[in-house]
């Protein structure tokens, strides 16, 4: 089987204050400078390329499943402000 994604260094799920689940993945050193990746339409926390770059740059790339994608719980009617609130948690 061909794999089209880079395996993350760390992978998990976090419970949000309203009971929803947020899926996330991290690449790069755990003590690296944190950078949040907000993926585009119909994509998830999985990277298809470039994982080696973050290691070389000393960046801890944190990618999340948007609501309703991957393991993240759907949130109908959400707004950009709602998503920002999720990221603060």
PDB file of N, CA and C in Angstrom:
ATOM      1  N   UNK A   1       0.836  -1.173   0.000  1.00  0.00           N
ATOM      2  CA  UNK A   1       0.000   0.000   0.000  1.00  0.00           C
ATOM      3  C   UNK A   1       0.885   1.242   0.000  1.00  0.00           C
ATOM      4  N   UNK A   2       0.551   2.207  -0.809  1.00  0.00           N
ATOM      5  CA  UNK A   2       1.285   3.462  -0.879  1.00  0.00           C
ATOM      6  C   UNK A   2       0.725   4.444   0.134  1.00  0.00           C
ATOM      7  N   UNK A   3       1.634   5.064   0.891  1.00  0.00           N
ATOM      8  CA  UNK A   3       1.214   6.063   1.868  1.00  0.00           C
ATOM      9  C   UNK A   3       1.507   7.449   1.300  1.00  0.00           C
ATOM     10  N   UNK A   4       0.538   8.323   1.333  1.00  0.00           N
ATOM     11  CA  UNK A   4       0.689   9.658   0.778  1.00  0.00           C
ATOM     12  C   UNK A   4       0.805  10.740   1.839  1.00  0.00           C
ATOM     13  N   UNK A   5       0.989  10.357   3.072  1.00  0.00           N
ATOM     14  CA  UNK A   5       1.133  11.334   4.149  1.00  0.00           C
ATOM     15  C   UNK A   5       2.382  11.028   4.954  1.00  0.00           C
ATOM     16  N   UNK A   6       2.940  12.049   5.582  1.00  0.00           N
ATOM     17  CA  UNK A   6       4.078  11.875   6.476  1.00  0.00           C
ATOM     18  C   UNK A   6       3.555  11.586   7.881  1.00  0.00           C
ATOM     19  N   UNK A   7       4.107  10.562   8.508  1.00  0.00           N
ATOM     20  CA  UNK A   7       3.676  10.182   9.856  1.00  0.00           C
ATOM     21  C   UNK A   7       4.082  11.290  10.833  1.00  0.00           C
ATOM     22  N   UNK A   8       3.137  11.777  11.650  1.00  0.00           N
ATOM     23  CA  UNK A   8       3.463  12.853  12.588  1.00  0.00           C
ATOM     24  C   UNK A   8       4.335  12.364  13.738  1.00  0.00           C
ATOM     25  N   UNK A   9       5.073  13.301  14.337  1.00  0.00           N
ATOM     26  CA  UNK A   9       5.872  12.986  15.519  1.00  0.00           C
ATOM     27  C   UNK A   9       4.967  12.752  16.725  1.00  0.00           C
ATOM     28  N   UNK A  10       3.874  13.505  16.790  1.00  0.00           N
ATOM     29  CA  UNK A  10       2.900  13.388  17.873  1.00  0.00           C
ATOM     30  C   UNK A  10       1.503  13.518  17.277  1.00  0.00           C
ATOM     31  N   UNK A  11       0.579  12.731  17.796  1.00  0.00           N
ATOM     32  CA  UNK A  11      -0.782  12.683  17.264  1.00  0.00           C
ATOM     33  C   UNK A  11      -1.744  12.574  18.435  1.00  0.00           C
ATOM     34  N   UNK A  12      -2.831  13.333  18.419  1.00  0.00           N
ATOM     35  CA  UNK A  12      -3.745  13.236  19.547  1.00  0.00           C
ATOM     36  C   UNK A  12      -5.086  13.885  19.315  1.00  0.00           C
ATOM     37  N   UNK A  13      -5.862  13.888  20.375  1.00  0.00           N
ATOM     38  CA  UNK A  13      -7.189  14.494  20.399  1.00  0.00           C
ATOM     39  C   UNK A  13      -7.316  15.259  21.707  1.00  0.00           C
ATOM     40  N   UNK A  14      -7.955  16.418  21.652  1.00  0.00           N
ATOM     41  CA  UNK A  14      -8.180  17.224  22.851  1.00  0.00           C
ATOM     42  C   UNK A  14      -9.668  17.481  23.019  1.00  0.00           C
ATOM     43  N   UNK A  15     -10.128  17.442  24.269  1.00  0.00           N
ATOM     44  CA  UNK A  15     -11.523  17.760  24.577  1.00  0.00           C
ATOM     45  C   UNK A  15     -11.659  19.273  24.709  1.00  0.00           C
ATOM     46  N   UNK A  16     -12.639  19.845  24.018  1.00  0.00           N
ATOM     47  CA  UNK A  16     -12.912  21.274  24.116  1.00  0.00           C
ATOM     48  C   UNK A  16     -13.933  21.526  25.224  1.00  0.00           C
ATOM     49  N   UNK A  17     -14.039  22.764  25.661  1.00  0.00           N
ATOM     50  CA  UNK A  17     -14.901  23.086  26.806  1.00  0.00           C
ATOM     51  C   UNK A  17     -16.380  22.790  26.563  1.00  0.00           C
ATOM     52  N   UNK A  18     -16.808  22.756  25.293  1.00  0.00           N
ATOM     53  CA  UNK A  18     -18.218  22.461  25.004  1.00  0.00           C
ATOM     54  C   UNK A  18     -18.467  20.976  24.751  1.00  0.00           C
ATOM     55  N   UNK A  19     -17.446  20.143  24.998  1.00  0.00           N
ATOM     56  CA  UNK A  19     -17.593  18.697  24.859  1.00  0.00           C
ATOM     57  C   UNK A  19     -17.175  18.133  23.513  1.00  0.00           C
ATOM     58  N   UNK A  20     -16.904  19.018  22.550  1.00  0.00           N
ATOM     59  CA  UNK A  20     -16.440  18.525  21.253  1.00  0.00           C
ATOM     60  C   UNK A  20     -14.998  18.044  21.350  1.00  0.00           C
ATOM     61  N   UNK A  21     -14.565  17.293  20.334  1.00  0.00           N
ATOM     62  CA  UNK A  21     -13.201  16.776  20.245  1.00  0.00           C
ATOM     63  C   UNK A  21     -12.485  17.494  19.113  1.00  0.00           C
ATOM     64  N   UNK A  22     -11.218  17.835  19.329  1.00  0.00           N
ATOM     65  CA  UNK A  22     -10.370  18.448  18.317  1.00  0.00           C
ATOM     66  C   UNK A  22      -9.191  17.520  18.064  1.00  0.00           C
ATOM     67  N   UNK A  23      -9.063  17.022  16.839  1.00  0.00           N
ATOM     68  CA  UNK A  23      -7.926  16.181  16.474  1.00  0.00           C
ATOM     69  C   UNK A  23      -6.753  17.047  16.050  1.00  0.00           C
ATOM     70  N   UNK A  24      -5.544  16.632  16.411  1.00  0.00           N
ATOM     71  CA  UNK A  24      -4.355  17.402  16.062  1.00  0.00           C
ATOM     72  C   UNK A  24      -3.177  16.477  15.784  1.00  0.00           C
ATOM     73  N   UNK A  25      -2.194  17.010  15.097  1.00  0.00           N
ATOM     74  CA  UNK A  25      -0.946  16.299  14.822  1.00  0.00           C
ATOM     75  C   UNK A  25       0.187  17.319  14.866  1.00  0.00           C
ATOM     76  N   UNK A  26       1.371  16.858  15.250  1.00  0.00           N
ATOM     77  CA  UNK A  26       2.541  17.735  15.307  1.00  0.00           C
ATOM     78  C   UNK A  26       3.708  17.093  14.585  1.00  0.00           C
ATOM     79  N   UNK A  27       4.483  17.937  13.920  1.00  0.00           N
ATOM     80  CA  UNK A  27       5.734  17.531  13.296  1.00  0.00           C
ATOM     81  C   UNK A  27       6.817  18.460  13.807  1.00  0.00           C
ATOM     82  N   UNK A  28       8.051  17.993  13.807  1.00  0.00           N
ATOM     83  CA  UNK A  28       9.177  18.801  14.255  1.00  0.00           C
ATOM     84  C   UNK A  28       9.459  18.587  15.730  1.00  0.00           C
ATOM     85  N   UNK A  29      10.487  19.284  16.236  1.00  0.00           N
ATOM     86  CA  UNK A  29      10.877  19.106  17.639  1.00  0.00           C
ATOM     87  C   UNK A  29       9.803  19.620  18.591  1.00  0.00           C
ATOM     88  N   UNK A  30       9.592  18.904  19.684  1.00  0.00           N
ATOM     89  CA  UNK A  30       8.551  19.291  20.646  1.00  0.00           C
ATOM     90  C   UNK A  30       8.847  20.632  21.307  1.00  0.00           C
ATOM     91  N   UNK A  31      10.117  21.045  21.326  1.00  0.00           N
ATOM     92  CA  UNK A  31      10.475  22.335  21.921  1.00  0.00           C
ATOM     93  C   UNK A  31      10.702  23.411  20.860  1.00  0.00           C
ATOM     94  N   UNK A  32      10.308  23.128  19.619  1.00  0.00           N
ATOM     95  CA  UNK A  32      10.478  24.089  18.534  1.00  0.00           C
ATOM     96  C   UNK A  32       9.498  25.246  18.626  1.00  0.00           C
ATOM     97  N   UNK A  33       9.737  26.257  17.807  1.00  0.00           N
ATOM     98  CA  UNK A  33       8.828  27.406  17.747  1.00  0.00           C
ATOM     99  C   UNK A  33       7.479  26.938  17.208  1.00  0.00           C
ATOM    100  N   UNK A  34       6.382  27.126  17.972  1.00  0.00           N
ATOM    101  CA  UNK A  34       5.082  26.620  17.521  1.00  0.00           C
ATOM    102  C   UNK A  34       4.522  27.422  16.347  1.00  0.00           C
ATOM    103  N   UNK A  35       4.044  26.691  15.345  1.00  0.00           N
ATOM    104  CA  UNK A  35       3.383  27.280  14.179  1.00  0.00           C
ATOM    105  C   UNK A  35       2.091  26.501  13.969  1.00  0.00           C
ATOM    106  N   UNK A  36       0.963  27.208  13.910  1.00  0.00           N
ATOM    107  CA  UNK A  36      -0.337  26.572  13.722  1.00  0.00           C
ATOM    108  C   UNK A  36      -0.660  26.516  12.237  1.00  0.00           C
ATOM    109  N   UNK A  37      -0.952  25.314  11.737  1.00  0.00           N
ATOM    110  CA  UNK A  37      -1.364  25.121  10.346  1.00  0.00           C
ATOM    111  C   UNK A  37      -2.873  24.937  10.316  1.00  0.00           C
ATOM    112  N   UNK A  38      -3.562  25.839   9.646  1.00  0.00           N
ATOM    113  CA  UNK A  38      -5.009  25.725   9.440  1.00  0.00           C
ATOM    114  C   UNK A  38      -5.201  25.265   8.005  1.00  0.00           C
ATOM    115  N   UNK A  39      -5.503  24.001   7.842  1.00  0.00           N
ATOM    116  CA  UNK A  39      -5.569  23.406   6.505  1.00  0.00           C
ATOM    117  C   UNK A  39      -6.730  23.967   5.691  1.00  0.00           C
ATOM    118  N   UNK A  40      -6.649  23.764   4.385  1.00  0.00           N
ATOM    119  CA  UNK A  40      -7.666  24.276   3.467  1.00  0.00           C
ATOM    120  C   UNK A  40      -8.881  23.378   3.365  1.00  0.00           C
ATOM    121  N   UNK A  41      -9.690  23.644   2.374  1.00  0.00           N
ATOM    122  CA  UNK A  41     -10.966  22.950   2.169  1.00  0.00           C
ATOM    123  C   UNK A  41     -10.783  21.445   2.051  1.00  0.00           C
ATOM    124  N   UNK A  42     -11.596  20.730   2.808  1.00  0.00           N
ATOM    125  CA  UNK A  42     -11.687  19.268   2.757  1.00  0.00           C
ATOM    126  C   UNK A  42     -10.370  18.555   3.031  1.00  0.00           C
ATOM    127  N   UNK A  43      -9.480  19.178   3.789  1.00  0.00           N
ATOM    128  CA  UNK A  43      -8.252  18.506   4.201  1.00  0.00           C
ATOM    129  C   UNK A  43      -8.233  18.414   5.719  1.00  0.00           C
ATOM    130  N   UNK A  44      -7.306  17.610   6.229  1.00  0.00           N
ATOM    131  CA  UNK A  44      -7.276  17.354   7.662  1.00  0.00           C
ATOM    132  C   UNK A  44      -5.896  17.638   8.228  1.00  0.00           C
ATOM    133  N   UNK A  45      -5.640  17.119   9.409  1.00  0.00           N
ATOM    134  CA  UNK A  45      -4.379  17.345  10.116  1.00  0.00           C
ATOM    135  C   UNK A  45      -3.185  16.653   9.476  1.00  0.00           C
ATOM    136  N   UNK A  46      -3.405  15.752   8.530  1.00  0.00           N
ATOM    137  CA  UNK A  46      -2.320  14.980   7.927  1.00  0.00           C
ATOM    138  C   UNK A  46      -1.600  15.774   6.847  1.00  0.00           C
ATOM    139  N   UNK A  47      -0.252  15.764   6.877  1.00  0.00           N
ATOM    140  CA  UNK A  47       0.560  16.438   5.863  1.00  0.00           C
ATOM    141  C   UNK A  47       0.908  15.468   4.746  1.00  0.00           C
ATOM    142  N   UNK A  48       0.780  15.920   3.526  1.00  0.00           N
ATOM    143  CA  UNK A  48       1.152  15.093   2.388  1.00  0.00           C
ATOM    144  C   UNK A  48       2.604  15.268   1.985  1.00  0.00           C
ATOM    145  N   UNK A  49       3.250  16.308   2.463  1.00  0.00           N
ATOM    146  CA  UNK A  49       4.637  16.582   2.091  1.00  0.00           C
ATOM    147  C   UNK A  49       5.222  17.605   3.053  1.00  0.00           C
ATOM    148  N   UNK A  50       6.540  17.721   3.069  1.00  0.00           N
ATOM    149  CA  UNK A  50       7.203  18.796   3.780  1.00  0.00           C
ATOM    150  C   UNK A  50       7.524  18.595   5.244  1.00  0.00           C
ATOM    151  N   UNK A  51       7.254  17.415   5.789  1.00  0.00           N
ATOM    152  CA  UNK A  51       7.495  17.227   7.219  1.00  0.00           C
ATOM    153  C   UNK A  51       8.968  17.401   7.586  1.00  0.00           C
ATOM    154  N   UNK A  52       9.871  17.025   6.696  1.00  0.00           N
ATOM    155  CA  UNK A  52      11.296  17.155   6.980  1.00  0.00           C
ATOM    156  C   UNK A  52      11.760  18.597   7.098  1.00  0.00           C
ATOM    157  N   UNK A  53      11.066  19.508   6.469  1.00  0.00           N
ATOM    158  CA  UNK A  53      11.451  20.914   6.495  1.00  0.00           C
ATOM    159  C   UNK A  53      11.302  21.502   7.899  1.00  0.00           C
ATOM    160  N   UNK A  54      10.232  21.156   8.594  1.00  0.00           N
ATOM    161  CA  UNK A  54      10.008  21.735   9.920  1.00  0.00           C
ATOM    162  C   UNK A  54      11.093  21.307  10.900  1.00  0.00           C
ATOM    163  N   UNK A  55      11.548  20.082  10.771  1.00  0.00           N
ATOM    164  CA  UNK A  55      12.638  19.598  11.630  1.00  0.00           C
ATOM    165  C   UNK A  55      13.888  20.448  11.404  1.00  0.00           C
ATOM    166  N   UNK A  56      14.236  20.661  10.146  1.00  0.00           N
ATOM    167  CA  UNK A  56      15.431  21.436   9.807  1.00  0.00           C
ATOM    168  C   UNK A  56      15.329  22.886  10.282  1.00  0.00           C
ATOM    169  N   UNK A  57      14.126  23.439  10.312  1.00  0.00           N
ATOM    170  CA  UNK A  57      13.917  24.824  10.734  1.00  0.00           C
ATOM    171  C   UNK A  57      13.705  24.975  12.238  1.00  0.00           C
ATOM    172  N   UNK A  58      13.598  23.855  12.947  1.00  0.00           N
ATOM    173  CA  UNK A  58      13.351  23.915  14.384  1.00  0.00           C
ATOM    174  C   UNK A  58      11.945  24.369  14.720  1.00  0.00           C
ATOM    175  N   UNK A  59      11.005  24.072  13.822  1.00  0.00           N
ATOM    176  CA  UNK A  59       9.614  24.484  13.989  1.00  0.00           C
ATOM    177  C   UNK A  59       8.783  23.313  14.491  1.00  0.00           C
ATOM    178  N   UNK A  60       7.904  23.585  15.450  1.00  0.00           N
ATOM    179  CA  UNK A  60       6.907  22.593  15.887  1.00  0.00           C
ATOM    180  C   UNK A  60       5.609  22.943  15.169  1.00  0.00           C
ATOM    181  N   UNK A  61       5.331  22.236  14.077  1.00  0.00           N
ATOM    182  CA  UNK A  61       4.146  22.495  13.264  1.00  0.00           C
ATOM    183  C   UNK A  61       2.963  21.742  13.852  1.00  0.00           C
ATOM    184  N   UNK A  62       1.928  22.479  14.243  1.00  0.00           N
ATOM    185  CA  UNK A  62       0.716  21.904  14.826  1.00  0.00           C
ATOM    186  C   UNK A  62      -0.400  22.042  13.797  1.00  0.00           C
ATOM    187  N   UNK A  63      -0.934  20.912  13.368  1.00  0.00           N
ATOM    188  CA  UNK A  63      -2.004  20.891  12.377  1.00  0.00           C
ATOM    189  C   UNK A  63      -3.250  20.291  13.015  1.00  0.00           C
ATOM    190  N   UNK A  64      -4.402  20.882  12.750  1.00  0.00           N
ATOM    191  CA  UNK A  64      -5.641  20.428  13.390  1.00  0.00           C
ATOM    192  C   UNK A  64      -6.663  19.972  12.354  1.00  0.00           C
ATOM    193  N   UNK A  65      -7.531  19.073  12.790  1.00  0.00           N
ATOM    194  CA  UNK A  65      -8.704  18.705  11.997  1.00  0.00           C
ATOM    195  C   UNK A  65      -9.765  19.769  12.250  1.00  0.00           C
ATOM    196  N   UNK A  66     -10.210  20.433  11.212  1.00  0.00           N
ATOM    197  CA  UNK A  66     -11.287  21.407  11.379  1.00  0.00           C
ATOM    198  C   UNK A  66     -12.565  20.685  11.791  1.00  0.00           C
ATOM    199  N   UNK A  67     -13.521  21.385  12.402  1.00  0.00           N
ATOM    200  CA  UNK A  67     -14.763  20.742  12.844  1.00  0.00           C
ATOM    201  C   UNK A  67     -15.445  19.958  11.720  1.00  0.00           C
ATOM    202  N   UNK A  68     -15.754  18.702  12.026  1.00  0.00           N
ATOM    203  CA  UNK A  68     -16.426  17.840  11.062  1.00  0.00           C
ATOM    204  C   UNK A  68     -15.496  17.065  10.156  1.00  0.00           C
ATOM    205  N   UNK A  69     -14.191  17.299  10.247  1.00  0.00           N
ATOM    206  CA  UNK A  69     -13.211  16.567   9.444  1.00  0.00           C
ATOM    207  C   UNK A  69     -12.327  15.737  10.358  1.00  0.00           C
ATOM    208  N   UNK A  70     -11.790  14.633   9.825  1.00  0.00           N
ATOM    209  CA  UNK A  70     -10.941  13.765  10.631  1.00  0.00           C
ATOM    210  C   UNK A  70     -11.686  13.296  11.866  1.00  0.00           C
ATOM    211  N   UNK A  71     -11.043  13.426  13.020  1.00  0.00           N
ATOM    212  CA  UNK A  71     -11.682  12.997  14.272  1.00  0.00           C
ATOM    213  C   UNK A  71     -12.377  14.147  15.007  1.00  0.00           C
ATOM    214  N   UNK A  72     -12.285  15.369  14.465  1.00  0.00           N
ATOM    215  CA  UNK A  72     -12.910  16.512  15.136  1.00  0.00           C
ATOM    216  C   UNK A  72     -14.427  16.471  14.994  1.00  0.00           C
ATOM    217  N   UNK A  73     -15.098  16.797  16.083  1.00  0.00           N
ATOM    218  CA  UNK A  73     -16.556  16.795  16.135  1.00  0.00           C
ATOM    219  C   UNK A  73     -17.121  17.920  15.266  1.00  0.00           C
ATOM    220  N   UNK A  74     -18.182  17.651  14.505  1.00  0.00           N
ATOM    221  CA  UNK A  74     -18.816  18.716  13.719  1.00  0.00           C
ATOM    222  C   UNK A  74     -19.335  19.843  14.617  1.00  0.00           C
ATOM    223  N   UNK A  75     -19.400  21.035  14.059  1.00  0.00           N
ATOM    224  CA  UNK A  75     -19.931  22.195  14.771  1.00  0.00           C
ATOM    225  C   UNK A  75     -20.729  23.036  13.775  1.00  0.00           C
ATOM    226  N   UNK A  76     -21.948  22.587  13.445  1.00  0.00           N
ATOM    227  CA  UNK A  76     -22.761  23.318  12.460  1.00  0.00           C
ATOM    228  C   UNK A  76     -22.976  24.772  12.878  1.00  0.00           C
ATOM    229  N   UNK A  77     -22.908  25.659  11.923  1.00  0.00           N
ATOM    230  CA  UNK A  77     -23.124  27.070  12.205  1.00  0.00           C
ATOM    231  C   UNK A  77     -21.918  27.782  12.782  1.00  0.00           C
ATOM    232  N   UNK A  78     -20.777  27.128  12.802  1.00  0.00           N
ATOM    233  CA  UNK A  78     -19.581  27.740  13.386  1.00  0.00           C
ATOM    234  C   UNK A  78     -19.160  28.973  12.576  1.00  0.00           C
ATOM    235  N   UNK A  79     -18.380  29.820  13.216  1.00  0.00           N
ATOM    236  CA  UNK A  79     -17.843  31.024  12.581  1.00  0.00           C
ATOM    237  C   UNK A  79     -16.321  30.992  12.686  1.00  0.00           C
ATOM    238  N   UNK A  80     -15.664  31.933  12.002  1.00  0.00           N
ATOM    239  CA  UNK A  80     -14.211  32.026  12.129  1.00  0.00           C
ATOM    240  C   UNK A  80     -13.827  32.337  13.572  1.00  0.00           C
ATOM    241  N   UNK A  81     -14.625  33.145  14.244  1.00  0.00           N
ATOM    242  CA  UNK A  81     -14.355  33.453  15.655  1.00  0.00           C
ATOM    243  C   UNK A  81     -14.451  32.201  16.519  1.00  0.00           C
ATOM    244  N   UNK A  82     -15.417  31.334  16.213  1.00  0.00           N
ATOM    245  CA  UNK A  82     -15.547  30.075  16.952  1.00  0.00           C
ATOM    246  C   UNK A  82     -14.295  29.228  16.787  1.00  0.00           C
ATOM    247  N   UNK A  83     -13.786  29.154  15.559  1.00  0.00           N
ATOM    248  CA  UNK A  83     -12.588  28.357  15.293  1.00  0.00           C
ATOM    249  C   UNK A  83     -11.391  28.937  16.046  1.00  0.00           C
ATOM    250  N   UNK A  84     -11.279  30.259  16.065  1.00  0.00           N
ATOM    251  CA  UNK A  84     -10.196  30.900  16.819  1.00  0.00           C
ATOM    252  C   UNK A  84     -10.300  30.550  18.301  1.00  0.00           C
ATOM    253  N   UNK A  85     -11.514  30.509  18.825  1.00  0.00           N
ATOM    254  CA  UNK A  85     -11.718  30.116  20.220  1.00  0.00           C
ATOM    255  C   UNK A  85     -11.282  28.688  20.478  1.00  0.00           C
ATOM    256  N   UNK A  86     -11.571  27.807  19.530  1.00  0.00           N
ATOM    257  CA  UNK A  86     -11.116  26.417  19.652  1.00  0.00           C
ATOM    258  C   UNK A  86      -9.594  26.364  19.722  1.00  0.00           C
ATOM    259  N   UNK A  87      -8.919  27.153  18.902  1.00  0.00           N
ATOM    260  CA  UNK A  87      -7.453  27.138  18.860  1.00  0.00           C
ATOM    261  C   UNK A  87      -6.859  27.669  20.161  1.00  0.00           C
ATOM    262  N   UNK A  88      -7.523  28.619  20.790  1.00  0.00           N
ATOM    263  CA  UNK A  88      -7.023  29.140  22.075  1.00  0.00           C
ATOM    264  C   UNK A  88      -7.053  28.072  23.159  1.00  0.00           C
ATOM    265  N   UNK A  89      -8.008  27.142  23.054  1.00  0.00           N
ATOM    266  CA  UNK A  89      -8.109  26.093  24.067  1.00  0.00           C
ATOM    267  C   UNK A  89      -6.992  25.100  23.899  1.00  0.00           C
TER     268      UNK A  89
END
